[in-house]
Amino acid sequence: MVCLKCGRDAAGEQVFCDSCLSIMEESPVKPGTPVLLPSPKKQTAAKKAPHRKRALSPEEQVIHLRKALRRMYLCVGVLIVVLGMATALLVYEILQKDVPAIGQNYTIDTTMNTE
């Protein structure tokens, strides 16, 4: 028979396999408590194993790492260009302001009435 919890083969006429029974014995349920059992799953002839990538050969690893290095150089280059442009813009903005020379941060008002 098939285990109702995990779907493995259960010994004899048991409803659950031995591993599921041991797990359920750790947290018992009071008698009379309604329990929802899952619907029986269809058993496949062979369960598919998860797809694993094959190991890369040393030559393929070198090619992969060179591509990654090129991408990194491109990112660093773009970052340098953007920072250079931001610095140039900041310097341009600072130079465009009318900042008085040191010691000349005052003005003389000659339009005062002297009555």
Protein backbone atom coordinates (compact mmCIF):
# COMPACT_ATOMS: atom_id res chain seq x y z
CA MET A 1 0.00 0.00 0.00
CA VAL A 2 1.07 3.61 -0.53
CA CYS A 3 1.64 6.02 2.39
CA LEU A 4 -1.09 8.69 2.50
CA LYS A 5 1.33 11.36 3.71
CA CYS A 6 4.47 11.02 1.58
CA GLY A 7 3.52 8.55 -1.16
CA ARG A 8 6.18 5.94 -0.42
CA ASP A 9 5.42 2.24 -0.15
CA ALA A 10 4.01 1.28 3.24
CA ALA A 11 4.58 -2.20 4.68
CA GLY A 12 1.58 -4.53 4.53
CA GLU A 13 -1.82 -2.96 5.13
CA GLN A 14 -0.48 0.16 6.89
CA VAL A 15 -1.87 3.50 5.82
CA PHE A 16 1.37 5.39 6.64
CA CYS A 17 5.01 4.36 6.18
CA ASP A 18 7.26 3.79 9.20
CA SER A 19 9.07 7.16 8.90
CA CYS A 20 5.79 9.13 8.76
CA LEU A 21 4.42 7.13 11.72
CA SER A 22 7.50 7.99 13.81
CA ILE A 23 7.09 11.69 12.95
CA MET A 24 3.38 11.62 13.82
CA GLU A 25 4.05 9.90 17.16
CA GLU A 26 6.03 12.98 18.26
CA SER A 27 2.89 15.14 18.14
CA PRO A 28 -0.16 12.99 18.92
CA VAL A 29 -3.72 14.07 18.09
CA LYS A 30 -6.59 13.71 20.57
CA PRO A 31 -9.12 10.99 19.71
CA GLY A 32 -12.14 12.31 17.84
CA THR A 33 -10.21 15.17 16.19
CA PRO A 34 -11.10 15.44 12.50
CA VAL A 35 -8.06 14.85 10.32
CA LEU A 36 -7.90 15.85 6.67
CA LEU A 37 -6.06 13.26 4.61
CA PRO A 38 -4.57 14.25 1.28
CA SER A 39 -5.94 12.71 -1.88
CA PRO A 40 -3.81 9.83 -3.12
CA LYS A 41 -1.18 10.96 -5.57
CA LYS A 42 -0.62 9.23 -8.84
CA GLN A 43 2.61 7.32 -8.75
CA THR A 44 4.94 7.97 -11.64
CA ALA A 45 7.10 5.18 -12.97
CA ALA A 46 10.26 7.08 -12.26
CA LYS A 47 10.43 10.40 -10.47
CA LYS A 48 12.53 12.88 -12.33
CA ALA A 49 15.68 13.99 -10.59
CA PRO A 50 16.33 17.74 -10.54
CA HIS A 51 18.36 18.93 -13.49
CA ARG A 52 21.95 19.64 -12.56
CA LYS A 53 24.40 21.60 -14.64
CA ARG A 54 27.34 19.66 -15.83
CA ALA A 55 30.76 20.53 -14.51
CA LEU A 56 32.67 22.95 -16.71
CA SER A 57 36.02 21.98 -18.12
CA PRO A 58 38.99 24.22 -17.25
CA GLU A 59 38.89 25.81 -20.71
CA GLU A 60 35.20 26.60 -20.34
CA GLN A 61 35.83 28.06 -16.88
CA VAL A 62 38.50 30.36 -18.33
CA ILE A 63 36.10 31.52 -21.06
CA HIS A 64 33.36 32.12 -18.49
CA LEU A 65 35.68 34.07 -16.20
CA ARG A 66 36.99 36.20 -19.09
CA LYS A 67 33.43 37.15 -20.00
CA ALA A 68 32.72 38.08 -16.39
CA LEU A 69 35.92 40.14 -16.28
CA ARG A 70 34.92 42.00 -19.46
CA ARG A 71 31.52 42.81 -17.95
CA MET A 72 33.22 44.07 -14.80
CA TYR A 73 35.59 46.29 -16.84
CA LEU A 74 32.62 47.70 -18.74
CA CYS A 75 30.76 48.49 -15.51
CA VAL A 76 33.81 50.16 -13.97
CA GLY A 77 34.37 52.17 -17.17
CA VAL A 78 30.78 53.39 -17.21
CA LEU A 79 31.04 54.29 -13.54
CA ILE A 80 34.21 56.29 -14.14
CA VAL A 81 32.58 58.18 -17.04
CA VAL A 82 29.49 58.98 -14.97
CA LEU A 83 31.56 60.16 -12.02
CA GLY A 84 33.73 62.28 -14.32
CA MET A 85 30.67 63.91 -15.84
CA ALA A 86 29.19 64.58 -12.41
CA THR A 87 32.46 66.13 -11.24
CA ALA A 88 32.68 68.32 -14.35
CA LEU A 89 29.09 69.47 -13.85
CA LEU A 90 29.76 70.29 -10.21
CA VAL A 91 32.89 72.29 -11.07
CA TYR A 92 31.01 74.11 -13.84
CA GLU A 93 28.21 75.06 -11.43
CA ILE A 94 30.69 76.30 -8.83
CA LEU A 95 32.58 78.42 -11.38
CA GLN A 96 29.36 79.95 -12.74
CA LYS A 97 28.35 81.44 -9.40
CA ASP A 98 29.27 85.07 -8.74
CA VAL A 99 31.47 84.55 -5.73
CA PRO A 100 33.29 87.64 -4.53
CA ALA A 101 37.03 87.44 -4.04
CA ILE A 102 38.40 87.00 -0.55
CA GLY A 103 38.16 90.27 1.35
CA GLN A 104 35.64 91.73 -1.07
CA ASN A 105 32.47 90.25 0.27
CA TYR A 106 30.90 93.64 0.89
CA THR A 107 29.47 96.41 -1.29
CA ILE A 108 29.44 100.15 -0.82
CA ASP A 109 26.10 101.89 -1.23
CA THR A 110 26.68 105.34 -2.72
CA THR A 111 23.00 106.16 -3.10
CA MET A 112 22.46 107.04 0.54
CA ASN A 113 20.71 110.30 1.27
CA THR A 114 22.89 112.64 3.32
CA GLU A 115 20.37 115.15 4.56
